[in-house]
C-alpha atoms as a PDB file:
ATOM      1  CA  MET A   1     111.216 119.080 128.354  1.00  0.00           C
ATOM      2  CA  ALA A   2     113.143 121.471 126.704  1.00  0.00           C
ATOM      3  CA  GLY A   3     115.276 119.752 123.942  1.00  0.00           C
ATOM      4  CA  LYS A   4     113.493 116.257 124.254  1.00  0.00           C
ATOM      5  CA  LEU A   5     112.293 117.020 120.813  1.00  0.00           C
ATOM      6  CA  ASN A   6     115.055 118.828 119.259  1.00  0.00           C
ATOM      7  CA  GLY A   7     115.419 116.999 115.520  1.00  0.00           C
ATOM      8  CA  LYS A   8     112.187 116.182 115.517  1.00  0.00           C
ATOM      9  CA  LYS A   9     109.092 117.232 112.889  1.00  0.00           C
ATOM     10  CA  ILE A  10     105.917 116.829 113.971  1.00  0.00           C
ATOM     11  CA  ALA A  11     102.695 117.742 111.920  1.00  0.00           C
ATOM     12  CA  PHE A  12     100.052 119.297 112.877  1.00  0.00           C
ATOM     13  CA  LEU A  13      96.412 118.172 110.509  1.00  0.00           C
ATOM     14  CA  VAL A  14      93.424 120.132 110.621  1.00  0.00           C
ATOM     15  CA  ALA A  15      90.418 121.267 109.072  1.00  0.00           C
ATOM     16  CA  ASP A  16      88.278 124.262 109.533  1.00  0.00           C
ATOM     17  CA  GLY A  17      86.420 123.867 113.027  1.00  0.00           C
ATOM     18  CA  PHE A  18      89.189 122.265 115.305  1.00  0.00           C
ATOM     19  CA  GLU A  19      89.158 123.108 118.988  1.00  0.00           C
ATOM     20  CA  GLN A  20      91.421 125.600 119.544  1.00  0.00           C
ATOM     21  CA  ILE A  21      92.834 124.760 122.993  1.00  0.00           C
ATOM     22  CA  GLU A  22      93.297 121.565 121.420  1.00  0.00           C
ATOM     23  CA  LEU A  23      95.484 122.815 118.995  1.00  0.00           C
ATOM     24  CA  THR A  24      97.505 125.791 120.387  1.00  0.00           C
ATOM     25  CA  ARG A  25      98.502 124.180 123.881  1.00  0.00           C
ATOM     26  CA  PRO A  26     100.088 120.511 122.214  1.00  0.00           C
ATOM     27  CA  TRP A  27     101.755 123.347 119.896  1.00  0.00           C
ATOM     28  CA  LYS A  28     103.403 125.487 122.319  1.00  0.00           C
ATOM     29  CA  ASP A  29     104.287 122.256 124.545  1.00  0.00           C
ATOM     30  CA  ILE A  30     105.669 120.679 121.396  1.00  0.00           C
ATOM     31  CA  GLN A  31     107.514 123.514 120.820  1.00  0.00           C
ATOM     32  CA  ASP A  32     108.823 123.968 123.520  1.00  0.00           C
ATOM     33  CA  ALA A  33     110.155 120.354 123.498  1.00  0.00           C
ATOM     34  CA  GLY A  34     112.323 121.553 120.673  1.00  0.00           C
ATOM     35  CA  ALA A  35     110.430 120.306 117.585  1.00  0.00           C
ATOM     36  CA  THR A  36     109.602 122.030 114.370  1.00  0.00           C
ATOM     37  CA  VAL A  37     105.988 121.842 114.033  1.00  0.00           C
ATOM     38  CA  GLU A  38     103.504 122.554 110.705  1.00  0.00           C
ATOM     39  CA  LEU A  39     100.226 123.189 110.387  1.00  0.00           C
ATOM     40  CA  VAL A  40      99.045 120.764 107.260  1.00  0.00           C
ATOM     41  CA  SER A  41      95.044 121.090 106.331  1.00  0.00           C
ATOM     42  CA  LEU A  42      93.130 120.633 103.295  1.00  0.00           C
ATOM     43  CA  LYS A  43      93.363 124.275 101.793  1.00  0.00           C
ATOM     44  CA  SER A  44      96.184 126.363 101.495  1.00  0.00           C
ATOM     45  CA  GLY A  45      95.380 129.954 103.510  1.00  0.00           C
ATOM     46  CA  GLU A  46      94.267 129.553 106.744  1.00  0.00           C
ATOM     47  CA  VAL A  47      91.919 127.636 109.213  1.00  0.00           C
ATOM     48  CA  GLN A  48      88.869 128.547 111.173  1.00  0.00           C
ATOM     49  CA  GLY A  49      89.547 127.623 115.091  1.00  0.00           C
ATOM     50  CA  MET A  50      86.761 127.059 117.194  1.00  0.00           C
ATOM     51  CA  GLU A  51      85.916 127.719 120.953  1.00  0.00           C
ATOM     52  CA  ALA A  52      83.729 124.754 122.954  1.00  0.00           C
ATOM     53  CA  ASP A  53      82.894 123.941 119.172  1.00  0.00           C
ATOM     54  CA  ILE A  54      80.405 126.629 118.116  1.00  0.00           C
ATOM     55  CA  ASN A  55      82.123 130.048 118.739  1.00  0.00           C
ATOM     56  CA  LYS A  56      84.340 131.107 116.422  1.00  0.00           C
ATOM     57  CA  ALA A  57      88.090 131.460 117.658  1.00  0.00           C
ATOM     58  CA  ASP A  58      90.711 132.140 116.036  1.00  0.00           C
ATOM     59  CA  THR A  59      92.128 131.590 112.102  1.00  0.00           C
ATOM     60  CA  PHE A  60      95.756 130.327 111.721  1.00  0.00           C
ATOM     61  CA  LYS A  61      97.905 130.374 108.349  1.00  0.00           C
ATOM     62  CA  VAL A  62      98.332 126.423 106.982  1.00  0.00           C
ATOM     63  CA  ASP A  63     101.989 126.220 106.107  1.00  0.00           C
ATOM     64  CA  LYS A  64     101.391 122.853 103.459  1.00  0.00           C
ATOM     65  CA  THR A  65      98.135 121.366 102.317  1.00  0.00           C
ATOM     66  CA  VAL A  66      97.800 117.412 102.340  1.00  0.00           C
ATOM     67  CA  ASP A  67      99.029 117.802  98.302  1.00  0.00           C
ATOM     68  CA  GLU A  68     101.937 119.015  99.217  1.00  0.00           C
ATOM     69  CA  VAL A  69     102.871 116.400 102.132  1.00  0.00           C
ATOM     70  CA  LYS A  70     103.522 112.916 103.210  1.00  0.00           C
ATOM     71  CA  ALA A  71     104.030 110.887 106.448  1.00  0.00           C
ATOM     72  CA  ASP A  72     107.901 110.677 105.393  1.00  0.00           C
ATOM     73  CA  ASP A  73     108.685 114.283 105.972  1.00  0.00           C
ATOM     74  CA  TYR A  74     107.830 113.578 109.878  1.00  0.00           C
ATOM     75  CA  HIS A  75     108.196 111.666 112.929  1.00  0.00           C
ATOM     76  CA  GLY A  76     105.224 111.908 114.546  1.00  0.00           C
ATOM     77  CA  LEU A  77     101.065 113.651 113.974  1.00  0.00           C
ATOM     78  CA  MET A  78      99.177 115.455 116.284  1.00  0.00           C
ATOM     79  CA  LEU A  79      95.892 115.459 115.619  1.00  0.00           C
ATOM     80  CA  PRO A  80      93.219 118.023 117.106  1.00  0.00           C
ATOM     81  CA  GLY A  81      89.420 117.391 117.569  1.00  0.00           C
ATOM     82  CA  GLY A  82      86.468 119.606 117.680  1.00  0.00           C
ATOM     83  CA  THR A  83      83.233 117.510 115.897  1.00  0.00           C
ATOM     84  CA  VAL A  84      83.693 119.670 112.822  1.00  0.00           C
ATOM     85  CA  ASN A  85      87.132 119.296 111.916  1.00  0.00           C
ATOM     86  CA  PRO A  86      87.778 115.324 111.907  1.00  0.00           C
ATOM     87  CA  ASP A  87      84.276 115.637 110.054  1.00  0.00           C
ATOM     88  CA  ASN A  88      86.228 117.121 107.548  1.00  0.00           C
ATOM     89  CA  LEU A  89      89.182 115.536 107.414  1.00  0.00           C
ATOM     90  CA  ARG A  90      87.589 112.235 107.391  1.00  0.00           C
ATOM     91  CA  VAL A  91      86.022 113.072 103.788  1.00  0.00           C
ATOM     92  CA  ASN A  92      89.089 113.868 102.091  1.00  0.00           C
ATOM     93  CA  ASP A  93      91.132 110.535 100.736  1.00  0.00           C
ATOM     94  CA  LYS A  94      94.570 112.441 101.077  1.00  0.00           C
ATOM     95  CA  ALA A  95      94.323 113.436 104.386  1.00  0.00           C
ATOM     96  CA  VAL A  96      92.616 109.640 105.703  1.00  0.00           C
ATOM     97  CA  GLN A  97      95.876 108.242 103.725  1.00  0.00           C
ATOM     98  CA  PHE A  98      98.245 110.694 105.228  1.00  0.00           C
ATOM     99  CA  VAL A  99      97.003 109.345 108.570  1.00  0.00           C
ATOM    100  CA  ARG A 100      97.082 105.803 107.850  1.00  0.00           C
ATOM    101  CA  ASP A 101     100.949 106.133 106.390  1.00  0.00           C
ATOM    102  CA  PHE A 102     101.494 106.775 109.694  1.00  0.00           C
ATOM    103  CA  PHE A 103     100.616 103.687 111.058  1.00  0.00           C
ATOM    104  CA  ALA A 104     102.318 101.965 107.829  1.00  0.00           C
ATOM    105  CA  GLN A 105     105.455 103.943 108.895  1.00  0.00           C
ATOM    106  CA  HIS A 106     105.252 102.832 112.625  1.00  0.00           C
ATOM    107  CA  LYS A 107     105.324 106.713 113.394  1.00  0.00           C
ATOM    108  CA  PRO A 108     103.708 107.904 116.935  1.00  0.00           C
ATOM    109  CA  VAL A 109     100.511 109.883 116.385  1.00  0.00           C
ATOM    110  CA  ALA A 110      98.301 111.712 119.130  1.00  0.00           C
ATOM    111  CA  ALA A 111      94.460 112.339 118.577  1.00  0.00           C
ATOM    112  CA  ILE A 112      92.159 114.131 121.211  1.00  0.00           C
ATOM    113  CA  CYS A 113      88.672 114.845 121.720  1.00  0.00           C
ATOM    114  CA  HIS A 114      86.441 113.890 118.632  1.00  0.00           C
ATOM    115  CA  ALA A 115      89.974 113.515 116.757  1.00  0.00           C
ATOM    116  CA  PRO A 116      89.922 109.508 116.936  1.00  0.00           C
ATOM    117  CA  ILE A 117      86.825 109.557 113.853  1.00  0.00           C
ATOM    118  CA  ILE A 118      89.784 110.225 111.376  1.00  0.00           C
ATOM    119  CA  LEU A 119      91.367 106.883 112.633  1.00  0.00           C
ATOM    120  CA  ILE A 120      88.459 105.382 112.566  1.00  0.00           C
ATOM    121  CA  GLU A 121      87.823 106.341 108.644  1.00  0.00           C
ATOM    122  CA  ALA A 122      91.729 105.464 108.085  1.00  0.00           C
ATOM    123  CA  GLY A 123      91.000 101.840 109.129  1.00  0.00           C
ATOM    124  CA  VAL A 124      93.736 101.977 112.152  1.00  0.00           C
ATOM    125  CA  LEU A 125      92.044 101.010 115.235  1.00  0.00           C
ATOM    126  CA  LYS A 126      91.192  96.886 114.763  1.00  0.00           C
ATOM    127  CA  GLY A 127      92.483  95.645 118.139  1.00  0.00           C
ATOM    128  CA  ARG A 128      93.804  98.701 120.040  1.00  0.00           C
ATOM    129  CA  THR A 129      92.778 100.445 123.145  1.00  0.00           C
ATOM    130  CA  LEU A 130      92.270 103.833 123.222  1.00  0.00           C
ATOM    131  CA  THR A 131      90.038 107.021 124.621  1.00  0.00           C
ATOM    132  CA  SER A 132      88.216 109.551 122.612  1.00  0.00           C
ATOM    133  CA  PHE A 133      85.559 112.075 124.099  1.00  0.00           C
ATOM    134  CA  PRO A 134      82.480 109.744 124.700  1.00  0.00           C
ATOM    135  CA  SER A 135      80.146 110.385 122.190  1.00  0.00           C
ATOM    136  CA  ILE A 136      81.710 108.652 120.017  1.00  0.00           C
ATOM    137  CA  LYS A 137      82.655 105.206 121.984  1.00  0.00           C
ATOM    138  CA  THR A 138      80.776 103.535 120.473  1.00  0.00           C
ATOM    139  CA  ASP A 139      82.123 104.371 116.751  1.00  0.00           C
ATOM    140  CA  ILE A 140      85.601 103.474 118.137  1.00  0.00           C
ATOM    141  CA  GLN A 141      84.270 100.174 119.264  1.00  0.00           C
ATOM    142  CA  ASN A 142      82.111  99.471 115.743  1.00  0.00           C
ATOM    143  CA  ALA A 143      85.750 100.121 114.453  1.00  0.00           C
ATOM    144  CA  GLY A 144      87.362  97.257 116.531  1.00  0.00           C
ATOM    145  CA  GLY A 145      89.001  99.473 119.581  1.00  0.00           C
ATOM    146  CA  THR A 146      88.655  98.567 122.636  1.00  0.00           C
ATOM    147  CA  TRP A 147      86.934 102.382 124.884  1.00  0.00           C
ATOM    148  CA  GLU A 148      88.842 103.714 128.472  1.00  0.00           C
ATOM    149  CA  ASP A 149      87.405 106.312 129.878  1.00  0.00           C
ATOM    150  CA  ARG A 150      90.437 107.473 130.951  1.00  0.00           C
ATOM    151  CA  GLU A 151      92.540 110.767 130.732  1.00  0.00           C
ATOM    152  CA  VAL A 152      94.966 109.775 128.457  1.00  0.00           C
ATOM    153  CA  VAL A 153      95.421 106.331 126.651  1.00  0.00           C
ATOM    154  CA  CYS A 154      99.005 105.359 124.765  1.00  0.00           C
ATOM    155  CA  ASP A 155      98.375 102.270 123.079  1.00  0.00           C
ATOM    156  CA  GLU A 156     102.385 101.868 121.408  1.00  0.00           C
ATOM    157  CA  ALA A 157     102.324 104.816 119.934  1.00  0.00           C
ATOM    158  CA  LEU A 158      99.128 105.392 119.269  1.00  0.00           C
ATOM    159  CA  VAL A 159      98.216 108.352 122.346  1.00  0.00           C
ATOM    160  CA  THR A 160      94.510 109.588 123.173  1.00  0.00           C
ATOM    161  CA  SER A 161      92.530 111.895 125.548  1.00  0.00           C
ATOM    162  CA  ARG A 162      89.352 112.910 125.937  1.00  0.00           C
ATOM    163  CA  SER A 163      88.992 116.492 126.246  1.00  0.00           C
ATOM    164  CA  PRO A 164      90.485 119.593 127.161  1.00  0.00           C
ATOM    165  CA  ASP A 165      90.671 119.093 130.419  1.00  0.00           C
ATOM    166  CA  ASP A 166      93.329 116.351 129.747  1.00  0.00           C
ATOM    167  CA  LEU A 167      96.187 118.421 128.147  1.00  0.00           C
ATOM    168  CA  ASP A 168      98.290 118.064 130.783  1.00  0.00           C
ATOM    169  CA  ALA A 169      98.294 114.536 130.768  1.00  0.00           C
ATOM    170  CA  PHE A 170      98.012 114.404 126.600  1.00  0.00           C
ATOM    171  CA  CYS A 171     100.651 116.719 125.956  1.00  0.00           C
ATOM    172  CA  ALA A 172     103.338 115.070 128.329  1.00  0.00           C
ATOM    173  CA  LYS A 173     102.348 111.239 126.908  1.00  0.00           C
ATOM    174  CA  ALA A 174     102.647 112.698 123.211  1.00  0.00           C
ATOM    175  CA  ILE A 175     106.085 114.100 124.070  1.00  0.00           C
ATOM    176  CA  GLU A 176     107.320 111.368 125.139  1.00  0.00           C
ATOM    177  CA  GLU A 177     105.654 109.050 122.714  1.00  0.00           C
ATOM    178  CA  PHE A 178     107.674 111.602 119.829  1.00  0.00           C
ATOM    179  CA  ALA A 179     110.690 111.396 121.416  1.00  0.00           C
ATOM    180  CA  GLU A 180     110.231 107.399 121.477  1.00  0.00           C
ATOM    181  CA  GLY A 181     109.980 107.211 117.643  1.00  0.00           C
ATOM    182  CA  LYS A 182     109.086 104.868 115.860  1.00  0.00           C
ATOM    183  CA  HIS A 183     107.187 101.231 117.148  1.00  0.00           C
ATOM    184  CA  ALA A 184     107.242  98.210 115.553  1.00  0.00           C
ATOM    185  CA  ASP A 185     104.052  97.191 116.889  1.00  0.00           C
ATOM    186  CA  GLN A 186     102.273 100.852 115.639  1.00  0.00           C
ATOM    187  CA  THR A 187     100.725  99.135 112.434  1.00  0.00           C
ATOM    188  CA  THR A 188      97.472  99.741 110.811  1.00  0.00           C
END
């Protein structure tokens, strides 16, 4: 996959409490495919990663805050999960609008585990098929989405997976969608 994403710039949006492997593994794979990656968060400084949602892991330096970015700056968006992370993001209007703008601009978005919580808040799931960690299945359905229990689901340029166990399939499909670029049917 080396070079497949040359010239592409991908935003990783996280808040404190993200599942660390759901950041680090896609980050490495997407960088190895040639993309420039940036860590975007609610505040400057560092954000706290977690292991299995309960054990503090590493901290990571934030490249830019949601106040400093817009979807126009990127070719795609990666949303790591963790239970606390998307809950922190969904209450920030600028983070929600940043996510919504990727859909409005027909750009690829990849979300794993609990990350679809922010997609629910952004109001972009009506009529979409996706997967997630099983505990938010009903939330997705209530938001108008169709939930499937598969390791990776791609609906136009929306790539979703259930958990870190699905990272191989998730990263491969996300890279494929980021390489393809805009999709006319990727809308709000």
